[in-house]
């Protein structure tokens, strides 16, 4: 199977690509000038904001894995340009040059409203206030309305493989004023690969799926794991379901995590 990957040099892409190559997939990877790709992949120079660079990149592929996104940028216009217009450009290129390809797009659990009354479900109404999740909702809509064979993976908090992301939790807890009892749904890089492989088989066609493991974790425990324990608190917890995603749909479609919880990752030295 031939696949085209955007965002291959990012936190997720650098860990996903070797797993896709090891699975025997022929990977073309969109890169900017000077960037490299893992052995076994083919670099295609271009940019999602340059439509002319995408035509040759996607021609004849069986699937597209769209990871390219801007999460934090000082200029919100950059976030919206890459996440929305970049997706629009890629969708147009696939429609013109690989209309039969599966289009798998990475999104985020941050799209859900913080005042949910339970773990967030894929069909819940969403009205994110921050630029990153709001732009991802706009990108999701472009893909769903494209007429392509699509799937959307809404990632929980991504960690593992020494990516350093867990180490950011104490800082995020401080700036977002998170309660120690707040919880986050998580996903290890190993299981992002599992989800993408499922999507490539068609198991997730036409679906938006929460991409999470089996156990949300408290901010208190995550900060402790990151080596920066926070002060416990008996203050009332507002928005108790903020950051918690319901993974029932994924499980019903056959997903079984390789890393069921972050405790397992810690035991295996896979943080």
Protein backbone atom coordinates (compact mmCIF):
# COMPACT_ATOMS: atom_id res chain seq x y z
CA UNK A 1 0.00 0.00 0.00
CA UNK A 2 1.28 3.47 -0.92
CA UNK A 3 0.57 6.27 1.54
CA UNK A 4 1.32 9.97 1.67
CA UNK A 5 2.12 11.51 5.06
CA UNK A 6 2.12 15.17 6.05
CA UNK A 7 3.65 16.37 9.30
CA UNK A 8 6.23 13.60 9.22
CA UNK A 9 8.81 15.71 11.05
CA UNK A 10 6.53 16.54 13.98
CA UNK A 11 6.14 15.00 17.42
CA UNK A 12 3.67 12.38 16.16
CA UNK A 13 5.04 11.92 12.66
CA UNK A 14 8.62 11.15 13.66
CA UNK A 15 7.38 8.27 15.82
CA UNK A 16 4.63 7.06 13.51
CA UNK A 17 6.63 6.90 10.28
CA UNK A 18 9.11 4.19 11.36
CA UNK A 19 6.21 2.03 12.53
CA UNK A 20 4.42 2.42 9.20
CA UNK A 21 7.62 1.59 7.30
CA UNK A 22 8.19 -1.45 9.51
CA UNK A 23 4.65 -2.56 8.65
CA UNK A 24 5.68 -2.73 4.99
CA UNK A 25 3.91 0.42 3.80
CA UNK A 26 5.38 2.55 1.00
CA UNK A 27 5.55 6.01 2.55
CA UNK A 28 5.89 9.29 0.71
CA UNK A 29 6.48 12.16 3.14
CA UNK A 30 5.91 15.87 2.56
CA UNK A 31 9.00 17.77 3.72
CA UNK A 32 10.32 21.27 3.56
CA UNK A 33 13.67 21.93 1.94
CA UNK A 34 16.53 20.43 3.91
CA UNK A 35 14.44 18.07 6.03
CA UNK A 36 15.09 14.34 5.96
CA UNK A 37 12.91 11.25 6.30
CA UNK A 38 13.55 7.86 7.91
CA UNK A 39 15.21 5.12 5.82
CA UNK A 40 12.61 3.41 3.70
CA UNK A 41 10.52 6.54 3.12
CA UNK A 42 10.54 8.84 0.09
CA UNK A 43 10.79 12.59 0.66
CA UNK A 44 8.61 14.88 -1.46
CA UNK A 45 9.52 18.54 -1.10
CA UNK A 46 6.57 20.84 -0.62
CA UNK A 47 4.19 22.55 1.76
CA UNK A 48 0.47 22.22 2.48
CA UNK A 49 0.19 25.96 1.84
CA UNK A 50 1.61 25.50 -1.67
CA UNK A 51 -1.07 23.69 -3.72
CA UNK A 52 1.28 23.27 -6.68
CA UNK A 53 3.57 21.06 -4.58
CA UNK A 54 0.83 18.63 -3.61
CA UNK A 55 -0.33 17.28 -6.97
CA UNK A 56 2.67 15.07 -7.69
CA UNK A 57 2.96 14.16 -4.01
CA UNK A 58 -0.46 12.51 -3.80
CA UNK A 59 -0.81 11.16 -7.34
CA UNK A 60 -1.80 7.52 -7.27
CA UNK A 61 -1.52 6.94 -3.52
CA UNK A 62 -3.86 4.54 -1.72
CA UNK A 63 -4.13 6.64 1.43
CA UNK A 64 -3.23 9.98 2.99
CA UNK A 65 -2.28 10.42 6.64
CA UNK A 66 -2.61 14.13 7.39
CA UNK A 67 -0.71 15.09 10.54
CA UNK A 68 0.56 18.55 9.60
CA UNK A 69 -0.77 21.18 11.98
CA UNK A 70 0.22 24.19 14.04
CA UNK A 71 -0.60 23.81 17.73
CA UNK A 72 0.99 26.83 19.37
CA UNK A 73 2.07 29.86 17.38
CA UNK A 74 2.46 33.53 18.35
CA UNK A 75 0.45 34.44 15.26
CA UNK A 76 -3.09 32.94 15.25
CA UNK A 77 -3.30 33.56 11.51
CA UNK A 78 -0.54 30.98 11.02
CA UNK A 79 -2.54 28.41 12.98
CA UNK A 80 -5.65 28.97 10.88
CA UNK A 81 -3.72 29.06 7.61
CA UNK A 82 -1.91 25.74 8.11
CA UNK A 83 -4.71 23.87 9.85
CA UNK A 84 -7.60 25.02 7.66
CA UNK A 85 -6.25 26.24 4.33
CA UNK A 86 -3.54 23.57 4.34
CA UNK A 87 -6.22 20.92 4.78
CA UNK A 88 -8.34 22.49 2.06
CA UNK A 89 -5.37 22.43 -0.34
CA UNK A 90 -4.60 18.80 0.44
CA UNK A 91 -8.22 17.73 0.07
CA UNK A 92 -8.36 19.43 -3.33
CA UNK A 93 -5.15 17.70 -4.46
CA UNK A 94 -6.44 14.29 -3.37
CA UNK A 95 -9.78 14.83 -5.11
CA UNK A 96 -7.97 15.71 -8.34
CA UNK A 97 -5.14 13.16 -8.29
CA UNK A 98 -6.07 10.29 -5.94
CA UNK A 99 -9.85 10.39 -5.55
CA UNK A 100 -10.05 6.78 -4.38
CA UNK A 101 -7.57 7.26 -1.54
CA UNK A 102 -8.52 7.01 2.11
CA UNK A 103 -7.91 10.32 3.86
CA UNK A 104 -7.03 9.94 7.55
CA UNK A 105 -6.71 13.19 9.49
CA UNK A 106 -5.32 13.79 12.96
CA UNK A 107 -7.43 16.06 15.14
CA UNK A 108 -7.62 16.68 18.88
CA UNK A 109 -9.73 16.00 21.95
CA UNK A 110 -9.29 19.68 22.78
CA UNK A 111 -12.27 20.38 20.52
CA UNK A 112 -14.70 19.31 23.25
CA UNK A 113 -16.43 21.76 25.55
CA UNK A 114 -14.87 21.91 29.02
CA UNK A 115 -18.27 21.90 30.76
CA UNK A 116 -19.32 18.48 29.44
CA UNK A 117 -21.57 16.51 31.81
CA UNK A 118 -19.73 13.21 31.09
CA UNK A 119 -16.74 11.94 29.11
CA UNK A 120 -16.93 13.55 25.69
CA UNK A 121 -18.47 11.57 22.84
CA UNK A 122 -17.70 11.99 19.15
CA UNK A 123 -21.20 13.27 18.40
CA UNK A 124 -21.23 15.99 21.06
CA UNK A 125 -21.73 19.59 20.04
CA UNK A 126 -18.46 21.48 20.16
CA UNK A 127 -17.62 25.16 20.41
CA UNK A 128 -13.91 25.46 21.24
CA UNK A 129 -12.68 28.88 22.24
CA UNK A 130 -8.95 28.55 21.44
CA UNK A 131 -7.53 28.88 17.94
CA UNK A 132 -5.99 25.42 17.65
CA UNK A 133 -9.09 23.31 18.41
CA UNK A 134 -11.38 25.75 16.61
CA UNK A 135 -9.23 25.51 13.49
CA UNK A 136 -9.23 21.71 13.71
CA UNK A 137 -13.03 21.66 13.82
CA UNK A 138 -13.05 23.79 10.66
CA UNK A 139 -10.58 21.39 9.02
CA UNK A 140 -12.67 18.37 10.04
CA UNK A 141 -15.69 19.95 8.39
CA UNK A 142 -13.79 20.49 5.14
CA UNK A 143 -12.82 16.82 5.06
CA UNK A 144 -16.27 15.49 5.94
CA UNK A 145 -17.85 17.55 3.18
CA UNK A 146 -15.19 16.63 0.60
CA UNK A 147 -16.81 13.50 -0.81
CA UNK A 148 -13.59 11.57 -0.10
CA UNK A 149 -13.35 8.40 1.96
CA UNK A 150 -12.34 9.96 5.27
CA UNK A 151 -11.71 9.27 8.93
CA UNK A 152 -10.81 11.67 11.75
CA UNK A 153 -8.75 10.70 14.79
CA UNK A 154 -9.27 12.95 17.80
CA UNK A 155 -6.14 12.38 19.86
CA UNK A 156 -6.05 12.43 23.62
CA UNK A 157 -2.90 13.82 25.25
CA UNK A 158 -0.06 12.26 23.26
CA UNK A 159 2.98 10.90 25.07
CA UNK A 160 5.70 8.25 25.02
CA UNK A 161 8.85 7.24 23.17
CA UNK A 162 10.82 9.93 24.99
CA UNK A 163 8.97 12.75 23.23
CA UNK A 164 9.13 15.07 26.25
CA UNK A 165 5.43 15.91 26.04
CA UNK A 166 4.65 14.56 29.51
CA UNK A 167 7.24 16.96 30.94
CA UNK A 168 5.04 19.87 29.82
CA UNK A 169 2.14 18.84 32.05
CA UNK A 170 3.29 20.76 35.18
CA UNK A 171 3.69 23.95 33.13
CA UNK A 172 0.31 23.48 31.44
CA UNK A 173 -1.33 22.76 34.79
CA UNK A 174 0.00 26.04 36.13
CA UNK A 175 -0.93 28.29 33.22
CA UNK A 176 -4.36 26.67 32.78
CA UNK A 177 -4.99 26.61 36.55
CA UNK A 178 -5.87 22.93 36.50
CA UNK A 179 -7.13 21.24 39.65
CA UNK A 180 -5.04 18.27 40.86
CA UNK A 181 -8.13 16.08 40.43
CA UNK A 182 -8.68 17.10 36.81
CA UNK A 183 -8.04 14.16 34.49
CA UNK A 184 -6.69 13.79 30.98
CA UNK A 185 -7.34 11.04 28.48
CA UNK A 186 -4.06 9.84 26.99
CA UNK A 187 -2.68 7.99 23.98
CA UNK A 188 0.78 6.48 23.55
CA UNK A 189 2.61 6.77 20.23
CA UNK A 190 2.44 2.99 19.85
CA UNK A 191 -1.33 3.17 19.86
CA UNK A 192 -1.51 6.12 17.49
CA UNK A 193 0.19 3.73 15.08
CA UNK A 194 -2.43 1.09 15.91
CA UNK A 195 -5.25 3.53 15.15
CA UNK A 196 -3.69 4.62 11.86
CA UNK A 197 -3.22 1.02 10.79
CA UNK A 198 -6.89 0.34 11.64
CA UNK A 199 -7.92 3.34 9.57
CA UNK A 200 -5.84 2.14 6.64
CA UNK A 201 -7.84 -1.12 6.59
CA UNK A 202 -11.12 0.79 6.28
CA UNK A 203 -12.29 -0.05 9.81
CA UNK A 204 -12.80 3.65 10.59
CA UNK A 205 -14.18 4.84 7.24
CA UNK A 206 -16.60 7.74 7.58
CA UNK A 207 -16.05 8.04 11.32
CA UNK A 208 -14.69 10.50 13.82
CA UNK A 209 -13.05 8.49 16.60
CA UNK A 210 -11.71 9.42 20.03
CA UNK A 211 -8.16 8.11 20.04
CA UNK A 212 -7.50 7.28 23.69
CA UNK A 213 -6.25 4.52 25.97
CA UNK A 214 -8.17 2.84 28.78
CA UNK A 215 -7.59 5.14 31.76
CA UNK A 216 -7.69 8.94 32.11
CA UNK A 217 -5.11 10.11 34.62
CA UNK A 218 -5.24 12.87 37.24
CA UNK A 219 -3.11 15.95 36.86
CA UNK A 220 -1.73 15.16 40.32
CA UNK A 221 -0.37 11.79 39.12
CA UNK A 222 0.85 13.14 35.79
CA UNK A 223 2.81 15.93 37.45
CA UNK A 224 4.35 13.38 39.82
CA UNK A 225 5.36 11.23 36.85
CA UNK A 226 6.86 14.29 35.18
CA UNK A 227 9.03 14.87 38.25
CA UNK A 228 7.31 18.08 39.39
CA UNK A 229 4.70 17.14 42.02
CA UNK A 230 1.91 19.65 42.55
CA UNK A 231 0.20 20.59 45.78
CA UNK A 232 -2.92 18.53 46.52
CA UNK A 233 -6.16 20.37 47.11
CA UNK A 234 -9.56 19.92 48.73
CA UNK A 235 -11.06 22.80 46.74
CA UNK A 236 -14.22 21.96 44.77
CA UNK A 237 -13.53 20.63 41.27
CA UNK A 238 -15.22 22.60 38.50
CA UNK A 239 -15.80 20.98 35.08
CA UNK A 240 -14.90 17.45 36.27
CA UNK A 241 -15.14 15.94 32.77
CA UNK A 242 -12.95 18.47 31.00
CA UNK A 243 -10.17 16.61 29.16
CA UNK A 244 -11.84 13.20 29.48
CA UNK A 245 -12.83 11.45 26.23
CA UNK A 246 -15.09 8.43 25.86
CA UNK A 247 -13.24 5.63 24.03
CA UNK A 248 -16.22 3.27 23.68
CA UNK A 249 -16.60 3.74 19.93
CA UNK A 250 -12.98 2.81 19.23
CA UNK A 251 -13.29 -0.28 21.39
CA UNK A 252 -16.49 -1.31 19.62
CA UNK A 253 -14.63 -1.08 16.29
CA UNK A 254 -11.93 -3.44 17.54
CA UNK A 255 -9.28 -1.18 19.04
CA UNK A 256 -7.23 -2.84 21.77
CA UNK A 257 -4.38 -0.68 23.10
CA UNK A 258 -0.86 -2.00 23.23
CA UNK A 259 -0.27 0.47 26.08
CA UNK A 260 -3.46 0.35 28.11
CA UNK A 261 -2.43 2.98 30.67
CA UNK A 262 0.44 5.32 31.38
CA UNK A 263 1.28 3.09 34.36
CA UNK A 264 2.08 0.33 31.88
CA UNK A 265 4.27 2.72 29.87
CA UNK A 266 6.15 3.66 33.04
CA UNK A 267 6.75 -0.01 33.94
CA UNK A 268 8.05 -0.68 30.44
CA UNK A 269 10.31 2.38 30.36
CA UNK A 270 8.27 3.72 27.44
CA UNK A 271 7.54 7.21 28.72
